[in-house]
Amino acid sequence: MRKLALLFLCSCFALAVSAHAQQFDAQFGVSGIHSQSASNFDITNFDHAAQSLSGGVYPSFGADFTLVHNLGVGGNVSWKASKSLYQGILDYRPIFWDINAVYARKVTRVGFALEAGIGGQSTRFYQDSCVSINPTTGQCQNFVSSNHFLTHLGGALRLYATHSVYIAPEIHYYYVKNNVEFTSPNVVRYSLNIGYTFGK
């Protein structure tokens, strides 16, 4: 997961340079997830399971670059730092990623970013034994993934400590289609990031 996030950031940086972006922002932070609790779950709802996504610490990476009139593209990756127990039986770890259209603006020491896009929720369920072989590396994998499409809205307030370094509280809303393993398709992620702006 860390390699994927690093590859994502490097790719965004390369694209920004090659496209002569007006501004490029890269950030790292920690997040918390909130969703419907299992105790409030409606047992007559057969489209979802009585397992909440709430709780835990989610490290996150994000980047965006603007091209014309503060408009650009960007994305985010976040994953649960530690495994949790699913239905008291299996270890699991959710991963969220998204690719967005971005409106980002900076005025002196204050900036903001608004995002809207699509992405995915990938939940890894871990086993004690090998469940599949990676055809590329030949390595044994001890998890299976359940993947779901999501839509995303997000916003960030960027408070600049220097001309380039900022602290950014963020909020992200995900609507996860067919999120049958958990209580609700509605997921909110709160994040606090440290970032760096290249350009403006």
Protein backbone atom coordinates (compact mmCIF):
# COMPACT_ATOMS: atom_id res chain seq x y z
CA MET A 1 0.00 0.00 0.00
CA ARG A 2 2.84 2.40 0.84
CA LYS A 3 4.48 1.63 -2.52
CA LEU A 4 1.21 2.40 -4.31
CA ALA A 5 0.86 5.72 -2.49
CA LEU A 6 4.47 6.68 -3.26
CA LEU A 7 4.03 5.75 -6.91
CA PHE A 8 0.87 7.86 -7.03
CA LEU A 9 2.63 10.93 -5.63
CA CYS A 10 5.64 10.55 -7.93
CA SER A 11 3.36 10.18 -10.94
CA CYS A 12 1.42 13.31 -10.00
CA PHE A 13 4.65 15.25 -9.58
CA ALA A 14 5.93 14.10 -12.99
CA LEU A 15 2.65 15.04 -14.65
CA ALA A 16 2.64 18.42 -12.97
CA VAL A 17 6.14 19.23 -14.18
CA SER A 18 5.51 18.00 -17.71
CA ALA A 19 2.23 19.92 -17.98
CA HIS A 20 3.72 23.15 -16.56
CA ALA A 21 1.20 23.16 -13.74
CA GLN A 22 0.48 26.45 -12.02
CA GLN A 23 0.50 24.80 -8.60
CA PHE A 24 1.29 21.36 -7.22
CA ASP A 25 0.35 20.26 -3.69
CA ALA A 26 1.48 17.08 -1.93
CA GLN A 27 0.49 16.07 1.59
CA PHE A 28 0.53 13.36 4.22
CA GLY A 29 -1.71 13.06 7.26
CA VAL A 30 -3.83 10.97 9.58
CA SER A 31 -7.56 10.42 9.35
CA GLY A 32 -10.53 9.04 11.23
CA ILE A 33 -13.56 7.33 9.70
CA HIS A 34 -17.19 7.72 10.72
CA SER A 35 -20.11 5.61 9.49
CA GLN A 36 -23.32 4.16 10.89
CA SER A 37 -22.68 2.15 14.05
CA ALA A 38 -23.45 -1.55 14.25
CA SER A 39 -25.63 -0.95 17.32
CA ASN A 40 -27.99 1.22 15.24
CA PHE A 41 -28.17 -1.31 12.40
CA ASP A 42 -31.59 -2.29 11.10
CA ILE A 43 -31.68 -6.10 11.16
CA THR A 44 -34.34 -6.08 8.41
CA ASN A 45 -31.81 -4.46 6.05
CA PHE A 46 -30.52 -7.39 4.00
CA ASP A 47 -28.37 -5.16 1.76
CA HIS A 48 -25.79 -4.53 4.48
CA ALA A 49 -24.08 -6.30 7.40
CA ALA A 50 -23.96 -5.29 11.08
CA GLN A 51 -20.32 -4.20 10.92
CA SER A 52 -19.36 -0.52 11.22
CA LEU A 53 -16.46 1.15 9.44
CA SER A 54 -16.11 3.72 12.24
CA GLY A 55 -12.98 3.92 14.34
CA GLY A 56 -9.28 3.43 13.87
CA VAL A 57 -6.47 5.58 12.50
CA TYR A 58 -6.02 5.95 8.75
CA PRO A 59 -2.72 7.28 7.36
CA SER A 60 -3.29 9.12 4.07
CA PHE A 61 -1.43 10.53 1.09
CA GLY A 62 -2.80 13.10 -1.32
CA ALA A 63 -1.70 15.28 -4.21
CA ASP A 64 -3.24 17.68 -6.69
CA PHE A 65 -2.08 19.98 -9.43
CA THR A 66 -3.85 22.92 -11.03
CA LEU A 67 -3.50 23.75 -14.69
CA VAL A 68 -5.90 26.54 -15.70
CA HIS A 69 -7.71 29.10 -13.51
CA ASN A 70 -7.20 27.10 -10.29
CA LEU A 71 -8.75 23.99 -11.84
CA GLY A 72 -6.90 20.71 -11.93
CA VAL A 73 -6.86 17.05 -10.93
CA GLY A 74 -5.77 15.14 -7.86
CA GLY A 75 -6.26 12.10 -5.71
CA ASN A 76 -6.06 10.54 -2.27
CA VAL A 77 -5.19 7.16 -0.76
CA SER A 78 -5.95 6.18 2.86
CA TRP A 79 -5.85 2.86 4.68
CA LYS A 80 -6.48 1.58 8.18
CA ALA A 81 -3.17 1.48 10.06
CA SER A 82 -4.02 -1.66 12.01
CA LYS A 83 -6.24 -4.64 11.30
CA SER A 84 -9.65 -4.91 12.97
CA LEU A 85 -11.83 -7.92 13.65
CA TYR A 86 -14.72 -8.51 11.27
CA GLN A 87 -17.77 -10.12 12.91
CA GLY A 88 -15.46 -11.45 15.62
CA ILE A 89 -13.90 -13.89 13.13
CA LEU A 90 -11.63 -12.36 10.45
CA ASP A 91 -8.99 -9.67 10.48
CA TYR A 92 -9.72 -6.96 7.92
CA ARG A 93 -8.34 -3.64 6.69
CA PRO A 94 -10.26 -1.09 4.53
CA ILE A 95 -8.46 1.01 1.92
CA PHE A 96 -9.98 4.07 0.22
CA TRP A 97 -8.73 5.77 -2.93
CA ASP A 98 -10.14 8.48 -5.17
CA ILE A 99 -9.32 10.52 -8.29
CA ASN A 100 -10.88 13.96 -8.53
CA ALA A 101 -11.46 17.18 -10.36
CA VAL A 102 -10.01 19.85 -8.05
CA TYR A 103 -10.51 23.57 -7.53
CA ALA A 104 -7.61 24.88 -5.41
CA ARG A 105 -6.76 28.44 -4.52
CA LYS A 106 -4.22 30.18 -2.32
CA VAL A 107 -4.41 33.78 -1.08
CA THR A 108 -1.38 34.87 1.01
CA ARG A 109 -1.30 32.44 4.00
CA VAL A 110 -4.71 30.82 3.46
CA GLY A 111 -5.80 28.35 0.80
CA PHE A 112 -8.53 25.85 0.15
CA ALA A 113 -9.31 22.95 -2.13
CA LEU A 114 -12.62 21.44 -3.26
CA GLU A 115 -12.73 17.96 -4.80
CA ALA A 116 -15.29 15.80 -6.58
CA GLY A 117 -14.59 12.47 -8.20
CA ILE A 118 -14.73 8.70 -8.16
CA GLY A 119 -12.71 5.92 -6.62
CA GLY A 120 -12.91 2.65 -4.77
CA GLN A 121 -13.08 0.98 -1.39
CA SER A 122 -10.99 -2.17 -1.15
CA THR A 123 -11.39 -4.24 2.00
CA ARG A 124 -8.79 -6.92 2.67
CA PHE A 125 -9.90 -9.97 4.65
CA TYR A 126 -6.93 -11.85 6.10
CA GLN A 127 -6.51 -15.60 6.57
CA ASP A 128 -3.96 -17.64 8.55
CA SER A 129 -2.89 -19.47 5.40
CA CYS A 130 -2.13 -18.76 1.76
CA VAL A 131 -5.29 -18.01 -0.22
CA SER A 132 -3.78 -17.03 -3.58
CA ILE A 133 -0.50 -16.74 -5.46
CA ASN A 134 0.54 -13.42 -7.01
CA PRO A 135 1.14 -14.29 -10.69
CA THR A 136 3.69 -11.48 -11.08
CA THR A 137 5.91 -12.15 -8.07
CA GLY A 138 5.01 -15.75 -7.25
CA GLN A 139 4.47 -14.74 -3.61
CA CYS A 140 1.74 -16.16 -1.46
CA GLN A 141 -1.03 -13.77 -0.41
CA ASN A 142 -2.86 -14.30 2.86
CA PHE A 143 -5.86 -12.09 2.07
CA VAL A 144 -8.77 -11.69 -0.33
CA SER A 145 -10.11 -8.29 -1.34
CA SER A 146 -13.67 -7.06 -1.70
CA ASN A 147 -13.77 -4.03 -4.00
CA HIS A 148 -16.54 -1.46 -4.44
CA PHE A 149 -16.94 1.63 -6.60
CA LEU A 150 -17.47 4.93 -4.76
CA THR A 151 -18.22 8.58 -5.45
CA HIS A 152 -16.37 11.25 -3.50
CA LEU A 153 -16.74 14.86 -2.36
CA GLY A 154 -14.06 16.59 -0.31
CA GLY A 155 -12.89 19.92 1.00
CA ALA A 156 -9.76 21.25 2.71
CA LEU A 157 -8.72 24.45 4.46
CA ARG A 158 -4.99 25.07 4.04
CA LEU A 159 -3.28 27.25 6.63
CA TYR A 160 0.26 28.17 5.56
CA ALA A 161 2.99 28.27 8.19
CA THR A 162 5.47 29.40 5.51
CA HIS A 163 5.12 30.33 1.86
CA SER A 164 4.96 26.62 0.94
CA VAL A 165 4.31 24.50 4.06
CA TYR A 166 0.71 24.18 5.22
CA ILE A 167 -1.50 22.40 7.74
CA ALA A 168 -4.85 21.28 6.35
CA PRO A 169 -7.95 20.02 8.15
CA GLU A 170 -10.06 18.13 5.63
CA ILE A 171 -13.40 16.37 5.32
CA HIS A 172 -14.27 13.70 2.75
CA TYR A 173 -17.60 12.07 1.99
CA TYR A 174 -17.81 8.71 0.22
CA TYR A 175 -20.87 6.97 -1.14
CA VAL A 176 -19.81 3.33 -1.53
CA LYS A 177 -21.93 1.38 -3.99
CA ASN A 178 -23.02 -2.11 -2.86
CA ASN A 179 -21.12 -1.81 0.42
CA VAL A 180 -22.70 -5.05 1.62
CA GLU A 181 -19.97 -5.94 4.14
CA PHE A 182 -20.75 -2.89 6.32
CA THR A 183 -23.69 -1.07 7.88
CA SER A 184 -24.00 1.78 5.39
CA PRO A 185 -22.87 3.10 2.00
CA ASN A 186 -22.24 6.51 3.61
CA VAL A 187 -18.71 7.06 4.94
CA VAL A 188 -17.11 10.28 6.22
CA ARG A 189 -13.35 10.69 6.62
CA TYR A 190 -11.88 13.50 8.76
CA SER A 191 -8.23 14.26 8.18
CA LEU A 192 -5.41 16.50 9.39
CA ASN A 193 -2.53 16.84 6.93
CA ILE A 194 0.85 18.49 6.56
CA GLY A 195 1.53 19.53 2.99
CA TYR A 196 3.83 21.40 0.67
CA THR A 197 2.90 23.65 -2.25
CA PHE A 198 5.13 23.92 -5.30
CA GLY A 199 4.46 26.88 -7.56
CA LYS A 200 2.29 29.82 -6.53
